[in-house]
């Protein structure tokens, strides 16, 4: 201790020492702690300044269970996640951080969580979705393993700080690795950590113009269908014929009457009307002709890609071999359908696409390979689920009817079934 400090301490005593310690603590906090408003709402991962690596924070590092003799067993959570997502590009360098942000909402089981994924340039879409939906949202955000990943999380932090609806309603799960556009992996992460009985599969570019959550939760028929686990509710999707008119969500219609008016005036049309198989089975002419009741989709075909609400528990997962654009969402919905889930269309609710640019060159290459994979996938899933139904003695059960009808045109399927029966 220096002579000057000794002299000061002799004069001031213990109070001076306390003041010095307090100032030292404040200096350390200033260096290593960044203030985050409402941080008690979140279970956070941390970017450490020295190595920019995400740590698990309060998330349990092991999966634990007790055997019949009371013995405790554990597996590292990284092992569990690597097995859970083994069909994707998930590797030892990958990190999945559930609840990087955890919403402050007190959720009830019988509610509907929007399951979606978000990229850096779509964070504003997520903020307006939280404000519009006013209900639980589970989203995955992918970040790269470099400084760009840190920048993405800074933008996310800013959105959380600026929008109380983000803090109240949105659970954010981080996937950190070098693999881009693992869309079905990201969907599965968001669905896995959704905290309600029902989920709404939605792309972040769509704006829910009506109060879908309230409409469904207060509709006895809709809830009766969802509770069976054998029905998915379709939300009709629209886009503007002139793409520039879809840039500002504040000008979108907020009720069916106004939407139908714009539809009849050719201002709005079925989403991706250039690819009829994608949404035509919803039957837009029936929906816009003053339909007031939930109705069943009767013209399903394998390229159908509606946005749907369905029961989370027991529903199939999206096949993670589909990386990049093309067929990834169709694969999710195909397996859902032939697993025994029928599609029903909501009569009054709708979503509208928010216009954005498409990376066409990347899409063309990825679509080519995913189309080939999808043909093989349909054959595989038909045979696999058929074996399940036959083993469970449900081959003649109504639950297997979708599979029997949809898979009948696949020749390898017919040959295989002849051996199983």
Protein backbone atom coordinates (compact mmCIF):
# COMPACT_ATOMS: atom_id res chain seq x y z
CA UNK A 1 0.00 0.00 0.00
CA UNK A 2 1.45 3.39 -0.97
CA UNK A 3 2.39 6.02 1.66
CA UNK A 4 -0.29 8.38 0.35
CA UNK A 5 -2.97 5.70 0.62
CA UNK A 6 -1.78 4.72 4.13
CA UNK A 7 -2.03 8.36 5.20
CA UNK A 8 -5.53 8.65 3.66
CA UNK A 9 -6.67 5.46 5.39
CA UNK A 10 -5.31 6.65 8.73
CA UNK A 11 -7.41 9.77 8.40
CA UNK A 12 -10.61 8.24 7.08
CA UNK A 13 -10.53 4.72 8.48
CA UNK A 14 -12.97 1.94 7.55
CA UNK A 15 -15.38 4.19 5.67
CA UNK A 16 -12.71 5.07 3.17
CA UNK A 17 -11.86 1.40 2.64
CA UNK A 18 -15.52 0.65 1.96
CA UNK A 19 -15.70 3.45 -0.57
CA UNK A 20 -12.63 2.15 -2.39
CA UNK A 21 -14.06 -1.38 -2.54
CA UNK A 22 -17.37 -0.05 -3.83
CA UNK A 23 -15.65 1.95 -6.58
CA UNK A 24 -13.60 -1.11 -7.53
CA UNK A 25 -16.75 -3.21 -7.88
CA UNK A 26 -18.41 -0.56 -10.01
CA UNK A 27 -15.35 -0.46 -12.26
CA UNK A 28 -15.51 -4.22 -12.78
CA UNK A 29 -19.24 -4.10 -13.53
CA UNK A 30 -18.68 -1.33 -16.04
CA UNK A 31 -16.16 -3.46 -17.86
CA UNK A 32 -17.89 -6.84 -17.86
CA UNK A 33 -21.63 -6.20 -17.54
CA UNK A 34 -23.95 -4.75 -20.16
CA UNK A 35 -27.31 -3.53 -18.85
CA UNK A 36 -30.27 -5.20 -20.52
CA UNK A 37 -33.78 -3.89 -19.74
CA UNK A 38 -36.19 -6.49 -18.36
CA UNK A 39 -33.46 -9.15 -18.41
CA UNK A 40 -35.42 -11.07 -15.77
CA UNK A 41 -37.83 -12.07 -18.55
CA UNK A 42 -35.17 -14.04 -20.36
CA UNK A 43 -33.05 -17.13 -19.94
CA UNK A 44 -30.01 -15.77 -21.75
CA UNK A 45 -26.99 -17.20 -23.50
CA UNK A 46 -23.94 -14.91 -23.39
CA UNK A 47 -21.42 -13.68 -25.90
CA UNK A 48 -18.15 -13.51 -23.98
CA UNK A 49 -15.96 -10.62 -25.03
CA UNK A 50 -12.75 -12.60 -25.24
CA UNK A 51 -13.82 -15.43 -27.56
CA UNK A 52 -17.29 -14.51 -28.92
CA UNK A 53 -18.66 -17.96 -28.10
CA UNK A 54 -22.21 -18.63 -26.97
CA UNK A 55 -22.50 -20.32 -23.62
CA UNK A 56 -25.53 -22.18 -22.36
CA UNK A 57 -26.20 -19.84 -19.43
CA UNK A 58 -29.02 -21.20 -17.25
CA UNK A 59 -30.06 -23.90 -19.71
CA UNK A 60 -29.38 -27.35 -18.22
CA UNK A 61 -26.24 -28.93 -19.64
CA UNK A 62 -27.47 -32.51 -19.10
CA UNK A 63 -30.59 -34.55 -19.82
CA UNK A 64 -31.49 -36.49 -16.65
CA UNK A 65 -33.83 -39.36 -15.84
CA UNK A 66 -34.42 -41.89 -13.06
CA UNK A 67 -34.61 -45.65 -13.66
CA UNK A 68 -36.97 -48.12 -11.98
CA UNK A 69 -34.54 -48.62 -9.11
CA UNK A 70 -34.27 -44.91 -8.36
CA UNK A 71 -30.87 -44.53 -10.02
CA UNK A 72 -30.13 -41.18 -11.66
CA UNK A 73 -28.76 -41.15 -15.20
CA UNK A 74 -27.54 -38.29 -17.33
CA UNK A 75 -26.56 -37.56 -20.92
CA UNK A 76 -24.92 -34.36 -22.12
CA UNK A 77 -27.56 -32.20 -23.76
CA UNK A 78 -25.29 -31.88 -26.81
CA UNK A 79 -25.57 -35.66 -27.30
CA UNK A 80 -29.37 -35.54 -27.03
CA UNK A 81 -29.61 -32.67 -29.53
CA UNK A 82 -27.20 -34.31 -31.99
CA UNK A 83 -29.40 -37.43 -31.98
CA UNK A 84 -32.61 -35.39 -32.20
CA UNK A 85 -31.41 -33.57 -35.31
CA UNK A 86 -29.19 -36.28 -36.81
CA UNK A 87 -30.73 -36.10 -40.30
CA UNK A 88 -29.63 -32.47 -40.71
CA UNK A 89 -26.12 -31.07 -41.06
CA UNK A 90 -25.92 -30.76 -37.25
CA UNK A 91 -22.33 -31.46 -36.19
CA UNK A 92 -20.02 -31.22 -33.20
CA UNK A 93 -19.45 -27.56 -34.09
CA UNK A 94 -23.17 -26.79 -34.06
CA UNK A 95 -24.90 -25.20 -31.09
CA UNK A 96 -28.59 -25.11 -30.28
CA UNK A 97 -29.51 -22.75 -27.45
CA UNK A 98 -33.19 -23.10 -26.46
CA UNK A 99 -34.86 -20.02 -24.97
CA UNK A 100 -32.02 -17.63 -25.72
CA UNK A 101 -34.84 -15.26 -24.94
CA UNK A 102 -37.82 -16.59 -23.00
CA UNK A 103 -41.09 -14.70 -23.16
CA UNK A 104 -42.72 -13.23 -20.09
CA UNK A 105 -46.16 -14.55 -21.06
CA UNK A 106 -47.89 -16.91 -18.64
CA UNK A 107 -49.02 -19.53 -21.16
CA UNK A 108 -51.87 -21.97 -20.79
CA UNK A 109 -51.69 -25.41 -22.37
CA UNK A 110 -54.65 -24.95 -24.69
CA UNK A 111 -53.28 -22.10 -26.74
CA UNK A 112 -51.74 -21.69 -30.19
CA UNK A 113 -48.04 -20.94 -30.63
CA UNK A 114 -46.84 -19.56 -33.94
CA UNK A 115 -43.84 -21.66 -34.98
CA UNK A 116 -41.55 -19.84 -37.38
CA UNK A 117 -37.95 -19.05 -38.24
CA UNK A 118 -36.28 -15.70 -38.69
CA UNK A 119 -33.15 -14.39 -40.36
CA UNK A 120 -31.39 -11.13 -39.61
CA UNK A 121 -33.19 -9.11 -42.27
CA UNK A 122 -36.57 -10.41 -41.05
CA UNK A 123 -36.26 -9.35 -37.42
CA UNK A 124 -38.57 -6.35 -38.06
CA UNK A 125 -41.16 -8.84 -39.39
CA UNK A 126 -40.93 -10.77 -36.13
CA UNK A 127 -41.49 -7.60 -34.12
CA UNK A 128 -44.62 -6.65 -36.04
CA UNK A 129 -45.86 -10.26 -35.87
CA UNK A 130 -45.58 -10.17 -32.07
CA UNK A 131 -47.49 -6.88 -31.97
CA UNK A 132 -50.22 -8.15 -34.27
CA UNK A 133 -50.65 -11.69 -32.94
CA UNK A 134 -50.55 -10.90 -29.19
CA UNK A 135 -49.96 -14.56 -28.39
CA UNK A 136 -47.14 -17.10 -27.97
CA UNK A 137 -44.49 -17.29 -30.69
CA UNK A 138 -41.61 -19.79 -30.85
CA UNK A 139 -38.94 -18.86 -33.38
CA UNK A 140 -35.53 -20.12 -34.38
CA UNK A 141 -32.85 -17.70 -35.49
CA UNK A 142 -29.75 -18.96 -37.25
CA UNK A 143 -26.45 -17.19 -36.75
CA UNK A 144 -23.07 -17.80 -38.32
CA UNK A 145 -19.98 -18.69 -36.34
CA UNK A 146 -18.25 -15.33 -36.80
CA UNK A 147 -18.65 -11.61 -36.16
CA UNK A 148 -21.74 -11.53 -38.38
CA UNK A 149 -23.44 -13.80 -35.86
CA UNK A 150 -22.67 -11.32 -33.12
CA UNK A 151 -24.11 -8.50 -35.19
CA UNK A 152 -27.30 -10.50 -35.75
CA UNK A 153 -27.75 -10.94 -32.01
CA UNK A 154 -27.17 -7.23 -31.45
CA UNK A 155 -30.01 -6.45 -33.86
CA UNK A 156 -32.19 -8.99 -32.07
CA UNK A 157 -31.32 -7.43 -28.72
CA UNK A 158 -32.28 -3.99 -30.03
CA UNK A 159 -35.64 -5.32 -31.20
CA UNK A 160 -36.23 -6.88 -27.79
CA UNK A 161 -35.36 -3.63 -26.03
CA UNK A 162 -37.55 -1.49 -28.27
CA UNK A 163 -40.66 -3.67 -28.51
CA UNK A 164 -42.39 -4.85 -25.30
CA UNK A 165 -44.47 -7.32 -27.34
CA UNK A 166 -41.28 -9.12 -28.34
CA UNK A 167 -40.36 -9.51 -24.68
CA UNK A 168 -43.87 -10.56 -23.71
CA UNK A 169 -44.70 -13.09 -26.42
CA UNK A 170 -41.60 -14.41 -28.20
CA UNK A 171 -39.40 -17.38 -27.29
CA UNK A 172 -36.20 -17.22 -29.36
CA UNK A 173 -34.01 -20.29 -29.89
CA UNK A 174 -30.57 -19.89 -31.46
CA UNK A 175 -28.96 -22.29 -33.92
CA UNK A 176 -25.32 -21.43 -34.43
CA UNK A 177 -23.28 -23.15 -37.14
CA UNK A 178 -21.93 -22.64 -40.65
CA UNK A 179 -24.83 -24.35 -42.45
CA UNK A 180 -27.19 -21.98 -44.20
CA UNK A 181 -30.88 -22.55 -45.02
CA UNK A 182 -31.42 -25.67 -42.90
CA UNK A 183 -35.06 -24.67 -42.93
CA UNK A 184 -36.63 -27.88 -41.65
CA UNK A 185 -34.10 -28.20 -38.85
CA UNK A 186 -34.95 -24.66 -37.75
CA UNK A 187 -38.69 -25.41 -37.95
CA UNK A 188 -38.24 -28.49 -35.78
CA UNK A 189 -36.29 -26.58 -33.13
CA UNK A 190 -39.06 -23.96 -32.90
CA UNK A 191 -41.74 -26.67 -32.73
CA UNK A 192 -39.84 -28.75 -30.16
CA UNK A 193 -39.65 -25.85 -27.71
CA UNK A 194 -43.17 -24.49 -28.30
CA UNK A 195 -44.96 -24.44 -24.94
CA UNK A 196 -48.63 -24.91 -25.93
CA UNK A 197 -50.75 -27.80 -27.13
CA UNK A 198 -51.29 -26.38 -30.62
CA UNK A 199 -48.92 -24.79 -33.12
CA UNK A 200 -49.39 -22.63 -36.18
CA UNK A 201 -46.79 -23.26 -38.86
CA UNK A 202 -46.14 -19.87 -40.45
CA UNK A 203 -43.46 -18.22 -42.58
CA UNK A 204 -42.20 -14.96 -41.12
CA UNK A 205 -43.02 -13.07 -44.35
CA UNK A 206 -46.78 -13.47 -43.77
CA UNK A 207 -48.89 -10.99 -41.86
CA UNK A 208 -51.95 -12.35 -39.98
CA UNK A 209 -54.56 -9.75 -40.90
CA UNK A 210 -57.27 -11.14 -38.62
CA UNK A 211 -57.23 -12.27 -34.98
CA UNK A 212 -56.65 -15.93 -35.85
CA UNK A 213 -55.88 -16.99 -32.30
CA UNK A 214 -59.10 -15.56 -30.86
CA UNK A 215 -61.13 -16.85 -33.79
CA UNK A 216 -59.95 -20.44 -33.36
CA UNK A 217 -59.90 -20.61 -29.56
CA UNK A 218 -63.51 -19.32 -29.45
CA UNK A 219 -64.79 -21.62 -32.19
CA UNK A 220 -66.14 -24.90 -30.70
CA UNK A 221 -65.91 -26.77 -34.01
CA UNK A 222 -62.34 -25.65 -34.64
CA UNK A 223 -61.23 -26.67 -31.15
CA UNK A 224 -63.07 -29.98 -31.38
CA UNK A 225 -61.16 -30.76 -34.57
CA UNK A 226 -57.81 -29.75 -33.08
CA UNK A 227 -58.28 -31.80 -29.92
CA UNK A 228 -58.62 -35.02 -31.92
CA UNK A 229 -55.08 -34.65 -33.24
CA UNK A 230 -56.42 -35.74 -36.63
CA UNK A 231 -57.17 -32.32 -38.13
CA UNK A 232 -55.18 -29.30 -39.23
CA UNK A 233 -56.80 -25.92 -39.80
CA UNK A 234 -55.78 -24.16 -43.02
CA UNK A 235 -55.36 -20.36 -43.08
CA UNK A 236 -55.86 -19.10 -46.68
CA UNK A 237 -52.79 -17.20 -47.93
CA UNK A 238 -52.90 -14.27 -50.35
CA UNK A 239 -50.47 -11.91 -52.05
CA UNK A 240 -50.79 -8.73 -54.08
CA UNK A 241 -50.89 -9.03 -57.88
CA UNK A 242 -48.66 -5.95 -58.07
CA UNK A 243 -45.80 -6.88 -55.78
CA UNK A 244 -45.02 -3.30 -54.76
CA UNK A 245 -48.48 -3.07 -53.16
CA UNK A 246 -47.47 -5.78 -50.69
CA UNK A 247 -44.57 -3.82 -49.21
CA UNK A 248 -46.54 -2.02 -46.47
CA UNK A 249 -48.55 -4.29 -44.16
CA UNK A 250 -50.44 -1.27 -42.79
CA UNK A 251 -52.46 -1.16 -46.02
CA UNK A 252 -53.52 -4.82 -45.90
CA UNK A 253 -57.24 -5.61 -45.48
CA UNK A 254 -58.24 -6.38 -41.89
CA UNK A 255 -61.45 -8.34 -42.53
CA UNK A 256 -62.80 -10.83 -45.03
CA UNK A 257 -65.22 -8.39 -46.65
CA UNK A 258 -62.43 -6.00 -47.65
CA UNK A 259 -60.18 -8.83 -48.76
CA UNK A 260 -62.85 -10.38 -50.97
CA UNK A 261 -63.45 -6.97 -52.55
CA UNK A 262 -59.77 -6.65 -53.46
CA UNK A 263 -59.70 -10.28 -54.60
CA UNK A 264 -62.64 -9.72 -56.96
CA UNK A 265 -60.92 -6.59 -58.27
CA UNK A 266 -57.82 -8.72 -59.04
CA UNK A 267 -55.68 -6.71 -56.62
CA UNK A 268 -55.14 -9.74 -54.40
CA UNK A 269 -54.75 -13.35 -55.51
CA UNK A 270 -53.95 -16.77 -54.16
CA UNK A 271 -50.39 -16.92 -52.88
CA UNK A 272 -48.05 -18.10 -55.65
CA UNK A 273 -50.88 -18.46 -58.14
CA UNK A 274 -48.30 -19.31 -60.82
CA UNK A 275 -47.89 -22.68 -59.02
CA UNK A 276 -51.45 -23.93 -58.62
CA UNK A 277 -50.67 -27.18 -56.75
CA UNK A 278 -49.17 -25.18 -53.89
CA UNK A 279 -52.43 -23.67 -52.59
CA UNK A 280 -55.29 -24.45 -54.98
CA UNK A 281 -56.66 -27.36 -52.87
CA UNK A 282 -57.77 -24.70 -50.34
CA UNK A 283 -60.46 -23.82 -52.93
CA UNK A 284 -60.23 -20.05 -53.03
CA UNK A 285 -63.38 -19.66 -55.10
CA UNK A 286 -65.39 -21.40 -52.42
CA UNK A 287 -63.71 -19.41 -49.66
CA UNK A 288 -64.37 -16.04 -51.32
CA UNK A 289 -67.99 -16.84 -52.18
CA UNK A 290 -69.30 -15.94 -48.73
CA UNK A 291 -68.38 -19.28 -47.14
CA UNK A 292 -69.18 -19.10 -43.40
CA UNK A 293 -68.35 -22.59 -42.12
CA UNK A 294 -65.19 -24.62 -41.72
CA UNK A 295 -64.92 -27.00 -44.67
CA UNK A 296 -62.68 -29.96 -45.48
CA UNK A 297 -60.05 -30.01 -48.22
CA UNK A 298 -61.15 -32.70 -50.66
CA UNK A 299 -58.66 -32.28 -53.52
CA UNK A 300 -55.36 -32.81 -51.72
CA UNK A 301 -52.24 -33.44 -53.80
CA UNK A 302 -48.61 -33.84 -52.81
CA UNK A 303 -47.40 -30.31 -53.63
CA UNK A 304 -49.96 -28.68 -51.35
CA UNK A 305 -48.25 -26.23 -48.93
CA UNK A 306 -50.88 -24.52 -46.78
CA UNK A 307 -50.20 -22.68 -43.53
CA UNK A 308 -51.84 -24.72 -40.80
CA UNK A 309 -52.70 -25.02 -37.11
CA UNK A 310 -52.45 -28.50 -35.59
CA UNK A 311 -51.84 -30.42 -32.39
CA UNK A 312 -48.19 -30.40 -31.40
CA UNK A 313 -47.96 -33.61 -29.40
CA UNK A 314 -47.90 -36.70 -31.61
CA UNK A 315 -47.56 -34.84 -34.92
CA UNK A 316 -44.67 -35.72 -37.24
CA UNK A 317 -41.50 -33.67 -37.59
CA UNK A 318 -40.23 -32.00 -40.75
CA UNK A 319 -37.68 -34.13 -42.61
CA UNK A 320 -34.32 -32.43 -42.11
CA UNK A 321 -32.68 -33.83 -45.23
CA UNK A 322 -34.35 -30.97 -47.12
CA UNK A 323 -31.76 -28.19 -46.95
CA UNK A 324 -32.36 -24.99 -48.90
CA UNK A 325 -35.32 -23.95 -51.00
CA UNK A 326 -37.88 -26.22 -52.60
CA UNK A 327 -40.11 -29.02 -51.27
CA UNK A 328 -39.05 -28.56 -47.63
CA UNK A 329 -42.45 -27.32 -46.44
CA UNK A 330 -44.30 -29.71 -48.78
CA UNK A 331 -42.48 -32.61 -47.12
CA UNK A 332 -43.66 -31.46 -43.67
CA UNK A 333 -47.27 -31.21 -44.82
CA UNK A 334 -47.22 -34.42 -46.86
CA UNK A 335 -46.13 -36.51 -43.88
CA UNK A 336 -48.67 -34.74 -41.68
CA UNK A 337 -51.43 -35.59 -44.15
CA UNK A 338 -50.65 -39.25 -44.74
CA UNK A 339 -50.09 -39.80 -41.00
CA UNK A 340 -53.86 -39.38 -40.71
CA UNK A 341 -54.40 -35.63 -40.37
CA UNK A 342 -57.13 -34.11 -42.56
CA UNK A 343 -57.09 -30.46 -43.64
CA UNK A 344 -59.96 -28.07 -42.88
CA UNK A 345 -60.17 -24.45 -44.04
CA UNK A 346 -60.98 -21.60 -41.66
CA UNK A 347 -63.81 -19.49 -43.19
CA UNK A 348 -62.98 -15.96 -42.00
CA UNK A 349 -59.26 -15.74 -41.26
CA UNK A 350 -56.44 -15.11 -43.70
CA UNK A 351 -52.80 -14.07 -44.07
CA UNK A 352 -51.16 -11.81 -46.66
CA UNK A 353 -47.60 -12.07 -47.95
CA UNK A 354 -45.26 -9.16 -47.33
CA UNK A 355 -43.31 -8.60 -50.54
CA UNK A 356 -39.56 -9.20 -50.50
CA UNK A 357 -36.81 -10.08 -52.96
CA UNK A 358 -36.02 -13.72 -53.76
CA UNK A 359 -32.49 -15.12 -54.36
CA UNK A 360 -33.55 -16.85 -57.57
CA UNK A 361 -30.19 -18.34 -58.56
CA UNK A 362 -29.75 -20.15 -55.24
CA UNK A 363 -33.38 -21.28 -55.32
CA UNK A 364 -33.08 -22.84 -58.79
CA UNK A 365 -30.17 -25.09 -57.84
CA UNK A 366 -31.64 -26.13 -54.50
CA UNK A 367 -35.08 -26.76 -55.96
CA UNK A 368 -33.62 -29.12 -58.55
CA UNK A 369 -32.07 -31.39 -55.93
CA UNK A 370 -34.94 -31.12 -53.49
CA UNK A 371 -37.46 -32.13 -56.16
CA UNK A 372 -35.50 -35.33 -56.71
CA UNK A 373 -35.29 -35.92 -52.97
CA UNK A 374 -39.02 -35.28 -52.56
CA UNK A 375 -39.91 -38.03 -55.05
CA UNK A 376 -37.81 -40.49 -53.06
CA UNK A 377 -39.10 -39.16 -49.75
CA UNK A 378 -42.74 -39.74 -50.68
CA UNK A 379 -42.00 -43.36 -51.52
CA UNK A 380 -40.07 -43.87 -48.29
CA UNK A 381 -42.65 -42.25 -46.02
CA UNK A 382 -45.54 -44.11 -47.63
CA UNK A 383 -43.86 -47.46 -47.00
CA UNK A 384 -42.70 -46.58 -43.48
CA UNK A 385 -46.11 -45.33 -42.29
CA UNK A 386 -47.89 -48.21 -44.03
CA UNK A 387 -45.80 -50.68 -42.03
CA UNK A 388 -46.74 -48.80 -38.87
CA UNK A 389 -50.47 -48.91 -39.63
CA UNK A 390 -50.30 -52.61 -40.55
CA UNK A 391 -48.31 -53.50 -37.41
CA UNK A 392 -50.79 -51.57 -35.27
CA UNK A 393 -53.70 -53.31 -37.03
CA UNK A 394 -54.98 -49.98 -38.36
CA UNK A 395 -54.63 -50.66 -42.08
CA UNK A 396 -58.40 -50.59 -42.58
CA UNK A 397 -58.90 -47.82 -40.03
CA UNK A 398 -60.08 -44.35 -41.17
CA UNK A 399 -56.75 -42.93 -39.93
CA UNK A 400 -54.87 -44.71 -42.73
CA UNK A 401 -57.28 -43.65 -45.48
CA UNK A 402 -55.22 -40.63 -46.55
CA UNK A 403 -52.15 -42.83 -46.95
CA UNK A 404 -53.97 -45.56 -48.86
CA UNK A 405 -55.40 -43.05 -51.34
CA UNK A 406 -52.36 -40.79 -51.76
CA UNK A 407 -49.73 -43.53 -51.96
CA UNK A 408 -51.67 -45.83 -54.31
CA UNK A 409 -50.06 -44.30 -57.43
CA UNK A 410 -46.51 -45.06 -56.25
CA UNK A 411 -45.56 -48.41 -57.83
CA UNK A 412 -42.83 -49.45 -55.34
CA UNK A 413 -45.36 -48.80 -52.59
CA UNK A 414 -47.87 -51.21 -54.13
CA UNK A 415 -45.23 -53.95 -54.43
CA UNK A 416 -44.11 -53.47 -50.83
CA UNK A 417 -47.62 -53.53 -49.39
CA UNK A 418 -48.26 -56.86 -51.08
CA UNK A 419 -45.47 -58.32 -48.93
CA UNK A 420 -46.56 -56.67 -45.70
CA UNK A 421 -50.24 -57.68 -45.78
